[in-house]
Amino acid sequence: MSVPGQVVYMVGYDWGRRTAFAHAPEWAVVPPRVGETETRLSPVYLTVVPLFAGALSRTVVAALLSPAELLRTQLQAQTSSSRTSLLSLVQNLRWTTAWKGLGPTLWRDVPFSGIYWAGYEGIKRALTGKGLGEGTGTLGKAGGTDRDDKWKEFGAAFVSGAGSGMIAATLTNPFDVVKTRRQALTAATHSPSSALPSPKTFSILADIARKEGWRGLTQGLTPRLAKVGPACGLMISVYEVVPSLLHRKHG
């Protein structure tokens, strides 16, 4: 995902999450425990909201970026003897083909995002008692300095993000295999915007499962985990810690 897309994705998720938490329905509100004064949100609601907020945000970003991704694929598929300018590709881009390939992208990325955010919020709450942007929670009660607390928050966010990202990558790997094979087929035919119908996602999945079994569906999983785990951990750690540091510095 491009940097602008990543920014829109993160901001969209955070906005959706905060909005849903701020307007929680009555069934999602848990009465205060003995000795407490504040109400809490139910564990189910705390899981469902990140799941749907992450999925919805990723859907919107994927739809917005799909035409640009198609143009990028077309440029990469060109041979040295058939170079076409970007302007010509844009002029030839049709409304009916601008979102070609969006389906397989959504099947891979939307479930990944939903699982990732639900997992991240759950793991971080289990470690710290707090969710996204809510601080260190129980990790910050040991009498350490503010700097110590920020390192603890960074560590908790990294572990939660890396762990959740690897879980999501494992569960959605079959859809990544499908998308990779579609891209390989597109590059081989040199016609990303071809009007010829391509096999449906689940038809390809069934064919892989029948011919190659479990090994085919998990193809490329190890390098994907090696990439996704650290990337997800680092991305969310920076997102959690840097804004609070800047706010404290300039506040």
C-alpha atoms as a PDB file:
ATOM      1  CA  MET A   1       0.000   0.000   0.000  1.00  0.00           C
ATOM      2  CA  SER A   2       1.283   3.499  -0.849  1.00  0.00           C
ATOM      3  CA  VAL A   3       2.059   6.041   1.854  1.00  0.00           C
ATOM      4  CA  PRO A   4      -1.058   8.183   1.124  1.00  0.00           C
ATOM      5  CA  GLY A   5      -3.168   5.033   1.133  1.00  0.00           C
ATOM      6  CA  GLN A   6      -1.661   3.920   4.435  1.00  0.00           C
ATOM      7  CA  VAL A   7      -2.404   7.317   5.990  1.00  0.00           C
ATOM      8  CA  VAL A   8      -6.035   7.272   4.827  1.00  0.00           C
ATOM      9  CA  TYR A   9      -6.367   3.682   6.014  1.00  0.00           C
ATOM     10  CA  MET A  10      -5.024   4.374   9.513  1.00  0.00           C
ATOM     11  CA  VAL A  11      -6.970   7.605   9.975  1.00  0.00           C
ATOM     12  CA  GLY A  12     -10.135   5.970   8.664  1.00  0.00           C
ATOM     13  CA  TYR A  13      -9.808   3.048  11.043  1.00  0.00           C
ATOM     14  CA  ASP A  14      -9.097   5.271  14.034  1.00  0.00           C
ATOM     15  CA  TRP A  15     -12.056   7.521  13.216  1.00  0.00           C
ATOM     16  CA  GLY A  16     -14.439   4.586  12.757  1.00  0.00           C
ATOM     17  CA  ARG A  17     -13.250   2.944  15.961  1.00  0.00           C
ATOM     18  CA  ARG A  18     -13.559   6.089  18.066  1.00  0.00           C
ATOM     19  CA  THR A  19     -16.981   6.904  16.621  1.00  0.00           C
ATOM     20  CA  ALA A  20     -18.323   3.420  17.337  1.00  0.00           C
ATOM     21  CA  PHE A  21     -16.952   3.453  20.886  1.00  0.00           C
ATOM     22  CA  ALA A  22     -18.345   6.942  21.568  1.00  0.00           C
ATOM     23  CA  HIS A  23     -21.826   5.925  20.377  1.00  0.00           C
ATOM     24  CA  ALA A  24     -21.944   2.410  21.772  1.00  0.00           C
ATOM     25  CA  PRO A  25     -25.438   0.886  22.057  1.00  0.00           C
ATOM     26  CA  GLU A  26     -26.873   0.036  25.452  1.00  0.00           C
ATOM     27  CA  TRP A  27     -26.222  -3.685  25.118  1.00  0.00           C
ATOM     28  CA  ALA A  28     -22.489  -3.019  24.699  1.00  0.00           C
ATOM     29  CA  VAL A  29     -22.141  -1.043  27.944  1.00  0.00           C
ATOM     30  CA  VAL A  30     -21.148  -3.042  31.032  1.00  0.00           C
ATOM     31  CA  PRO A  31     -22.054  -1.662  34.500  1.00  0.00           C
ATOM     32  CA  PRO A  32     -19.146  -0.574  36.748  1.00  0.00           C
ATOM     33  CA  ARG A  33     -17.501  -3.167  38.942  1.00  0.00           C
ATOM     34  CA  VAL A  34     -17.602  -2.904  42.708  1.00  0.00           C
ATOM     35  CA  GLY A  35     -15.470   0.057  43.751  1.00  0.00           C
ATOM     36  CA  GLU A  36     -15.439   1.569  40.242  1.00  0.00           C
ATOM     37  CA  THR A  37     -17.391   4.553  38.952  1.00  0.00           C
ATOM     38  CA  GLU A  38     -16.957   4.296  35.176  1.00  0.00           C
ATOM     39  CA  THR A  39     -18.824   1.989  32.841  1.00  0.00           C
ATOM     40  CA  ARG A  40     -16.960  -0.281  30.429  1.00  0.00           C
ATOM     41  CA  LEU A  41     -17.589  -1.712  26.993  1.00  0.00           C
ATOM     42  CA  SER A  42     -18.255  -5.419  26.649  1.00  0.00           C
ATOM     43  CA  PRO A  43     -15.435  -7.669  25.355  1.00  0.00           C
ATOM     44  CA  VAL A  44     -17.608  -8.659  22.388  1.00  0.00           C
ATOM     45  CA  TYR A  45     -18.084  -5.036  21.346  1.00  0.00           C
ATOM     46  CA  LEU A  46     -14.379  -4.325  21.840  1.00  0.00           C
ATOM     47  CA  THR A  47     -13.670  -7.145  19.367  1.00  0.00           C
ATOM     48  CA  VAL A  48     -16.426  -6.536  16.820  1.00  0.00           C
ATOM     49  CA  VAL A  49     -15.762  -2.807  16.386  1.00  0.00           C
ATOM     50  CA  PRO A  50     -12.073  -3.163  15.370  1.00  0.00           C
ATOM     51  CA  LEU A  51     -13.013  -6.065  13.097  1.00  0.00           C
ATOM     52  CA  PHE A  52     -15.574  -4.061  11.127  1.00  0.00           C
ATOM     53  CA  ALA A  53     -13.747  -0.712  11.317  1.00  0.00           C
ATOM     54  CA  GLY A  54     -10.591  -2.289   9.901  1.00  0.00           C
ATOM     55  CA  ALA A  55     -12.472  -4.111   7.156  1.00  0.00           C
ATOM     56  CA  LEU A  56     -14.473  -1.024   6.155  1.00  0.00           C
ATOM     57  CA  SER A  57     -11.456   1.282   6.102  1.00  0.00           C
ATOM     58  CA  ARG A  58      -9.489  -1.163   3.942  1.00  0.00           C
ATOM     59  CA  THR A  59     -12.419  -1.546   1.541  1.00  0.00           C
ATOM     60  CA  VAL A  60     -12.645   2.211   1.001  1.00  0.00           C
ATOM     61  CA  VAL A  61      -8.896   2.611   0.471  1.00  0.00           C
ATOM     62  CA  ALA A  62      -8.713  -0.357  -1.914  1.00  0.00           C
ATOM     63  CA  ALA A  63     -11.573   1.043  -4.004  1.00  0.00           C
ATOM     64  CA  LEU A  64      -9.959   4.487  -4.149  1.00  0.00           C
ATOM     65  CA  LEU A  65      -6.533   3.145  -5.138  1.00  0.00           C
ATOM     66  CA  SER A  66      -7.682   0.416  -7.534  1.00  0.00           C
ATOM     67  CA  PRO A  67      -7.397   2.505 -10.751  1.00  0.00           C
ATOM     68  CA  ALA A  68      -3.869   3.585  -9.796  1.00  0.00           C
ATOM     69  CA  GLU A  69      -2.914  -0.024  -9.033  1.00  0.00           C
ATOM     70  CA  LEU A  70      -4.248  -1.097 -12.433  1.00  0.00           C
ATOM     71  CA  LEU A  71      -2.142   1.552 -14.176  1.00  0.00           C
ATOM     72  CA  ARG A  72       0.926   0.449 -12.210  1.00  0.00           C
ATOM     73  CA  THR A  73       0.337  -3.167 -13.250  1.00  0.00           C
ATOM     74  CA  GLN A  74      -0.053  -2.143 -16.889  1.00  0.00           C
ATOM     75  CA  LEU A  75       3.217  -0.218 -16.822  1.00  0.00           C
ATOM     76  CA  GLN A  76       5.066  -3.138 -15.228  1.00  0.00           C
ATOM     77  CA  ALA A  77       3.641  -5.590 -17.767  1.00  0.00           C
ATOM     78  CA  GLN A  78       4.929  -3.658 -20.777  1.00  0.00           C
ATOM     79  CA  THR A  79       7.916  -4.895 -22.736  1.00  0.00           C
ATOM     80  CA  SER A  80      10.723  -2.637 -23.927  1.00  0.00           C
ATOM     81  CA  SER A  81       9.357  -2.814 -27.475  1.00  0.00           C
ATOM     82  CA  SER A  82       5.812  -1.807 -26.541  1.00  0.00           C
ATOM     83  CA  ARG A  83       6.292   1.113 -24.152  1.00  0.00           C
ATOM     84  CA  THR A  84       3.242   3.328 -23.717  1.00  0.00           C
ATOM     85  CA  SER A  85       3.199   6.625 -21.876  1.00  0.00           C
ATOM     86  CA  LEU A  86       1.311   6.955 -18.621  1.00  0.00           C
ATOM     87  CA  LEU A  87      -0.879   9.624 -20.220  1.00  0.00           C
ATOM     88  CA  SER A  88      -1.917   7.224 -22.979  1.00  0.00           C
ATOM     89  CA  LEU A  89      -2.764   4.544 -20.433  1.00  0.00           C
ATOM     90  CA  VAL A  90      -4.894   6.995 -18.460  1.00  0.00           C
ATOM     91  CA  GLN A  91      -6.695   8.118 -21.614  1.00  0.00           C
ATOM     92  CA  ASN A  92      -7.448   4.505 -22.565  1.00  0.00           C
ATOM     93  CA  LEU A  93      -8.622   3.576 -19.074  1.00  0.00           C
ATOM     94  CA  ARG A  94     -12.332   2.813 -19.128  1.00  0.00           C
ATOM     95  CA  TRP A  95     -14.812   3.115 -16.302  1.00  0.00           C
ATOM     96  CA  THR A  96     -15.723  -0.561 -16.683  1.00  0.00           C
ATOM     97  CA  THR A  97     -12.110  -1.717 -16.336  1.00  0.00           C
ATOM     98  CA  ALA A  98     -10.753   0.816 -13.812  1.00  0.00           C
ATOM     99  CA  TRP A  99     -11.631  -1.504 -10.945  1.00  0.00           C
ATOM    100  CA  LYS A 100     -10.620  -4.731 -12.661  1.00  0.00           C
ATOM    101  CA  GLY A 101      -8.924  -6.996 -10.133  1.00  0.00           C
ATOM    102  CA  LEU A 102     -10.477  -5.247  -7.142  1.00  0.00           C
ATOM    103  CA  GLY A 103     -12.345  -8.398  -6.102  1.00  0.00           C
ATOM    104  CA  PRO A 104      -9.256 -10.550  -5.412  1.00  0.00           C
ATOM    105  CA  THR A 105      -7.625  -7.608  -3.631  1.00  0.00           C
ATOM    106  CA  LEU A 106     -10.637  -7.220  -1.348  1.00  0.00           C
ATOM    107  CA  TRP A 107     -10.753 -10.955  -0.618  1.00  0.00           C
ATOM    108  CA  ARG A 108      -7.159 -10.801   0.596  1.00  0.00           C
ATOM    109  CA  ASP A 109      -6.863  -7.382   2.225  1.00  0.00           C
ATOM    110  CA  VAL A 110     -10.273  -6.845   3.840  1.00  0.00           C
ATOM    111  CA  PRO A 111     -10.259 -10.052   5.936  1.00  0.00           C
ATOM    112  CA  PHE A 112      -6.604  -9.387   6.774  1.00  0.00           C
ATOM    113  CA  SER A 113      -7.396  -5.899   8.054  1.00  0.00           C
ATOM    114  CA  GLY A 114     -10.396  -7.027  10.094  1.00  0.00           C
ATOM    115  CA  ILE A 115      -8.498  -9.905  11.692  1.00  0.00           C
ATOM    116  CA  TYR A 116      -5.422  -7.750  12.252  1.00  0.00           C
ATOM    117  CA  TRP A 117      -7.207  -4.956  14.100  1.00  0.00           C
ATOM    118  CA  ALA A 118      -9.389  -7.262  16.164  1.00  0.00           C
ATOM    119  CA  GLY A 119      -6.290  -9.245  17.098  1.00  0.00           C
ATOM    120  CA  TYR A 120      -4.190  -6.174  17.804  1.00  0.00           C
ATOM    121  CA  GLU A 121      -6.752  -4.594  20.104  1.00  0.00           C
ATOM    122  CA  GLY A 122      -7.295  -7.914  21.881  1.00  0.00           C
ATOM    123  CA  ILE A 123      -3.612  -8.738  22.379  1.00  0.00           C
ATOM    124  CA  LYS A 124      -2.731  -5.234  23.520  1.00  0.00           C
ATOM    125  CA  ARG A 125      -5.619  -5.143  25.996  1.00  0.00           C
ATOM    126  CA  ALA A 126      -4.487  -8.506  27.352  1.00  0.00           C
ATOM    127  CA  LEU A 127      -0.954  -7.149  27.827  1.00  0.00           C
ATOM    128  CA  THR A 128      -1.705  -3.623  29.041  1.00  0.00           C
ATOM    129  CA  GLY A 129      -5.429  -3.292  29.673  1.00  0.00           C
ATOM    130  CA  LYS A 130      -5.564  -0.571  27.005  1.00  0.00           C
ATOM    131  CA  GLY A 131      -6.355  -0.409  23.297  1.00  0.00           C
ATOM    132  CA  LEU A 132      -5.106   1.712  20.401  1.00  0.00           C
ATOM    133  CA  GLY A 133      -3.974   5.169  21.513  1.00  0.00           C
ATOM    134  CA  GLU A 134      -4.949   4.584  25.148  1.00  0.00           C
ATOM    135  CA  GLY A 135      -1.471   4.443  26.673  1.00  0.00           C
ATOM    136  CA  THR A 136       0.444   1.777  28.577  1.00  0.00           C
ATOM    137  CA  GLY A 137      -2.236   0.875  31.105  1.00  0.00           C
ATOM    138  CA  THR A 138      -0.941  -1.665  33.611  1.00  0.00           C
ATOM    139  CA  LEU A 139       2.578  -1.467  32.156  1.00  0.00           C
ATOM    140  CA  GLY A 140       2.840   2.148  33.261  1.00  0.00           C
ATOM    141  CA  LYS A 141       2.108   1.540  36.933  1.00  0.00           C
ATOM    142  CA  ALA A 142       5.489   0.295  38.062  1.00  0.00           C
ATOM    143  CA  GLY A 143       6.819   3.714  39.013  1.00  0.00           C
ATOM    144  CA  GLY A 144       9.024   4.110  35.968  1.00  0.00           C
ATOM    145  CA  THR A 145       9.796   7.344  34.154  1.00  0.00           C
ATOM    146  CA  ASP A 146       7.731   8.684  31.281  1.00  0.00           C
ATOM    147  CA  ARG A 147      10.494   7.557  28.925  1.00  0.00           C
ATOM    148  CA  ASP A 148      10.303   4.050  30.368  1.00  0.00           C
ATOM    149  CA  ASP A 149       6.546   4.030  29.850  1.00  0.00           C
ATOM    150  CA  LYS A 150       6.945   5.020  26.201  1.00  0.00           C
ATOM    151  CA  TRP A 151       9.408   2.193  25.597  1.00  0.00           C
ATOM    152  CA  LYS A 152       6.988  -0.201  27.284  1.00  0.00           C
ATOM    153  CA  GLU A 153       4.179   1.071  25.089  1.00  0.00           C
ATOM    154  CA  PHE A 154       6.362   0.736  22.006  1.00  0.00           C
ATOM    155  CA  GLY A 155       7.241  -2.830  22.968  1.00  0.00           C
ATOM    156  CA  ALA A 156       3.651  -3.805  23.747  1.00  0.00           C
ATOM    157  CA  ALA A 157       2.448  -2.286  20.477  1.00  0.00           C
ATOM    158  CA  PHE A 158       5.199  -4.030  18.494  1.00  0.00           C
ATOM    159  CA  VAL A 159       4.466  -7.446  20.006  1.00  0.00           C
ATOM    160  CA  SER A 160       0.712  -6.998  19.556  1.00  0.00           C
ATOM    161  CA  GLY A 161       1.055  -5.733  15.992  1.00  0.00           C
ATOM    162  CA  ALA A 162       3.564  -8.357  14.885  1.00  0.00           C
ATOM    163  CA  GLY A 163       1.623 -11.199  16.485  1.00  0.00           C
ATOM    164  CA  SER A 164      -1.719 -10.097  15.090  1.00  0.00           C
ATOM    165  CA  GLY A 165      -0.228  -9.438  11.662  1.00  0.00           C
ATOM    166  CA  MET A 166       1.243 -12.934  11.493  1.00  0.00           C
ATOM    167  CA  ILE A 167      -2.070 -14.491  12.529  1.00  0.00           C
ATOM    168  CA  ALA A 168      -3.939 -12.485   9.894  1.00  0.00           C
ATOM    169  CA  ALA A 169      -1.331 -13.306   7.237  1.00  0.00           C
ATOM    170  CA  THR A 170      -1.611 -17.024   7.978  1.00  0.00           C
ATOM    171  CA  LEU A 171      -5.410 -17.058   7.788  1.00  0.00           C
ATOM    172  CA  THR A 172      -5.561 -15.039   4.564  1.00  0.00           C
ATOM    173  CA  ASN A 173      -2.584 -16.604   2.774  1.00  0.00           C
ATOM    174  CA  PRO A 174      -4.745 -18.649   0.352  1.00  0.00           C
ATOM    175  CA  PHE A 175      -6.172 -15.385  -1.022  1.00  0.00           C
ATOM    176  CA  ASP A 176      -2.638 -14.004  -1.365  1.00  0.00           C
ATOM    177  CA  VAL A 177      -1.737 -17.081  -3.420  1.00  0.00           C
ATOM    178  CA  VAL A 178      -4.729 -16.417  -5.685  1.00  0.00           C
ATOM    179  CA  LYS A 179      -3.786 -12.766  -6.198  1.00  0.00           C
ATOM    180  CA  THR A 180      -0.153 -13.657  -6.906  1.00  0.00           C
ATOM    181  CA  ARG A 181      -1.165 -16.175  -9.556  1.00  0.00           C
ATOM    182  CA  ARG A 182      -3.552 -13.703 -11.146  1.00  0.00           C
ATOM    183  CA  GLN A 183      -0.732 -11.164 -11.366  1.00  0.00           C
ATOM    184  CA  ALA A 184       1.581 -13.752 -12.912  1.00  0.00           C
ATOM    185  CA  LEU A 185      -1.071 -14.598 -15.504  1.00  0.00           C
ATOM    186  CA  THR A 186      -1.593 -10.916 -16.269  1.00  0.00           C
ATOM    187  CA  ALA A 187       2.123 -10.328 -16.747  1.00  0.00           C
ATOM    188  CA  ALA A 188       2.370 -13.365 -19.022  1.00  0.00           C
ATOM    189  CA  THR A 189      -0.441 -12.179 -21.299  1.00  0.00           C
ATOM    190  CA  HIS A 190       0.691  -8.511 -21.233  1.00  0.00           C
ATOM    191  CA  SER A 191      -2.958  -7.391 -21.140  1.00  0.00           C
ATOM    192  CA  PRO A 192      -4.041  -6.338 -17.634  1.00  0.00           C
ATOM    193  CA  SER A 193      -7.196  -4.666 -18.941  1.00  0.00           C
ATOM    194  CA  SER A 194      -8.222  -7.488 -21.230  1.00  0.00           C
ATOM    195  CA  ALA A 195     -11.955  -7.921 -21.582  1.00  0.00           C
ATOM    196  CA  LEU A 196     -11.600 -11.684 -21.386  1.00  0.00           C
ATOM    197  CA  PRO A 197     -13.186 -13.029 -18.197  1.00  0.00           C
ATOM    198  CA  SER A 198     -10.771 -14.363 -15.598  1.00  0.00           C
ATOM    199  CA  PRO A 199     -11.470 -17.265 -13.251  1.00  0.00           C
ATOM    200  CA  LYS A 200     -13.320 -16.430 -10.044  1.00  0.00           C
ATOM    201  CA  THR A 201     -11.415 -16.296  -6.784  1.00  0.00           C
ATOM    202  CA  PHE A 202     -13.046 -19.347  -5.247  1.00  0.00           C
ATOM    203  CA  SER A 203     -12.708 -21.300  -8.492  1.00  0.00           C
ATOM    204  CA  ILE A 204      -8.956 -20.734  -8.355  1.00  0.00           C
ATOM    205  CA  LEU A 205      -8.882 -21.661  -4.659  1.00  0.00           C
ATOM    206  CA  ALA A 206     -10.752 -24.886  -5.332  1.00  0.00           C
ATOM    207  CA  ASP A 207      -8.439 -25.721  -8.230  1.00  0.00           C
ATOM    208  CA  ILE A 208      -5.326 -25.133  -6.102  1.00  0.00           C
ATOM    209  CA  ALA A 209      -6.731 -27.198  -3.237  1.00  0.00           C
ATOM    210  CA  ARG A 210      -7.628 -30.051  -5.582  1.00  0.00           C
ATOM    211  CA  LYS A 211      -4.334 -30.150  -7.479  1.00  0.00           C
ATOM    212  CA  GLU A 212      -1.802 -29.048  -4.856  1.00  0.00           C
ATOM    213  CA  GLY A 213      -3.524 -29.550  -1.532  1.00  0.00           C
ATOM    214  CA  TRP A 214      -2.588 -27.704   1.642  1.00  0.00           C
ATOM    215  CA  ARG A 215       0.936 -27.043   0.358  1.00  0.00           C
ATOM    216  CA  GLY A 216      -0.437 -25.010  -2.527  1.00  0.00           C
ATOM    217  CA  LEU A 217      -2.660 -22.886  -0.281  1.00  0.00           C
ATOM    218  CA  THR A 218       0.236 -22.117   2.081  1.00  0.00           C
ATOM    219  CA  GLN A 219       2.731 -21.394  -0.682  1.00  0.00           C
ATOM    220  CA  GLY A 220       4.870 -18.358   0.147  1.00  0.00           C
ATOM    221  CA  LEU A 221       3.637 -18.212   3.740  1.00  0.00           C
ATOM    222  CA  THR A 222       7.078 -18.202   5.380  1.00  0.00           C
ATOM    223  CA  PRO A 223       8.470 -15.175   3.494  1.00  0.00           C
ATOM    224  CA  ARG A 224       5.130 -13.427   3.912  1.00  0.00           C
ATOM    225  CA  LEU A 225       5.265 -13.908   7.686  1.00  0.00           C
ATOM    226  CA  ALA A 226       8.869 -12.710   7.753  1.00  0.00           C
ATOM    227  CA  LYS A 227       7.777  -9.531   5.983  1.00  0.00           C
ATOM    228  CA  VAL A 228       4.362  -8.899   7.533  1.00  0.00           C
ATOM    229  CA  GLY A 229       5.228  -9.513  11.188  1.00  0.00           C
ATOM    230  CA  PRO A 230       7.988  -6.903  11.619  1.00  0.00           C
ATOM    231  CA  ALA A 231       6.251  -4.452   9.258  1.00  0.00           C
ATOM    232  CA  CYS A 232       2.961  -4.558  11.167  1.00  0.00           C
ATOM    233  CA  GLY A 233       4.751  -4.344  14.496  1.00  0.00           C
ATOM    234  CA  LEU A 234       6.868  -1.352  13.508  1.00  0.00           C
ATOM    235  CA  MET A 235       4.030   0.492  11.774  1.00  0.00           C
ATOM    236  CA  ILE A 236       1.636   0.339  14.705  1.00  0.00           C
ATOM    237  CA  SER A 237       4.369   1.034  17.274  1.00  0.00           C
ATOM    238  CA  VAL A 238       5.284   4.272  15.528  1.00  0.00           C
ATOM    239  CA  TYR A 239       1.602   5.177  15.159  1.00  0.00           C
ATOM    240  CA  GLU A 240       1.036   4.609  18.877  1.00  0.00           C
ATOM    241  CA  VAL A 241       4.083   6.341  20.341  1.00  0.00           C
ATOM    242  CA  VAL A 242       5.151   9.184  18.019  1.00  0.00           C
ATOM    243  CA  PRO A 243       1.938  11.297  18.217  1.00  0.00           C
ATOM    244  CA  SER A 244       1.981  11.275  22.019  1.00  0.00           C
ATOM    245  CA  LEU A 245       5.668  12.250  22.052  1.00  0.00           C
ATOM    246  CA  LEU A 246       5.020  15.147  19.674  1.00  0.00           C
ATOM    247  CA  HIS A 247       2.007  16.246  21.703  1.00  0.00           C
ATOM    248  CA  ARG A 248       4.036  16.188  24.910  1.00  0.00           C
ATOM    249  CA  LYS A 249       6.910  18.079  23.291  1.00  0.00           C
ATOM    250  CA  HIS A 250       4.769  20.861  21.820  1.00  0.00           C
ATOM    251  CA  GLY A 251       1.914  20.748  24.311  1.00  0.00           C
END
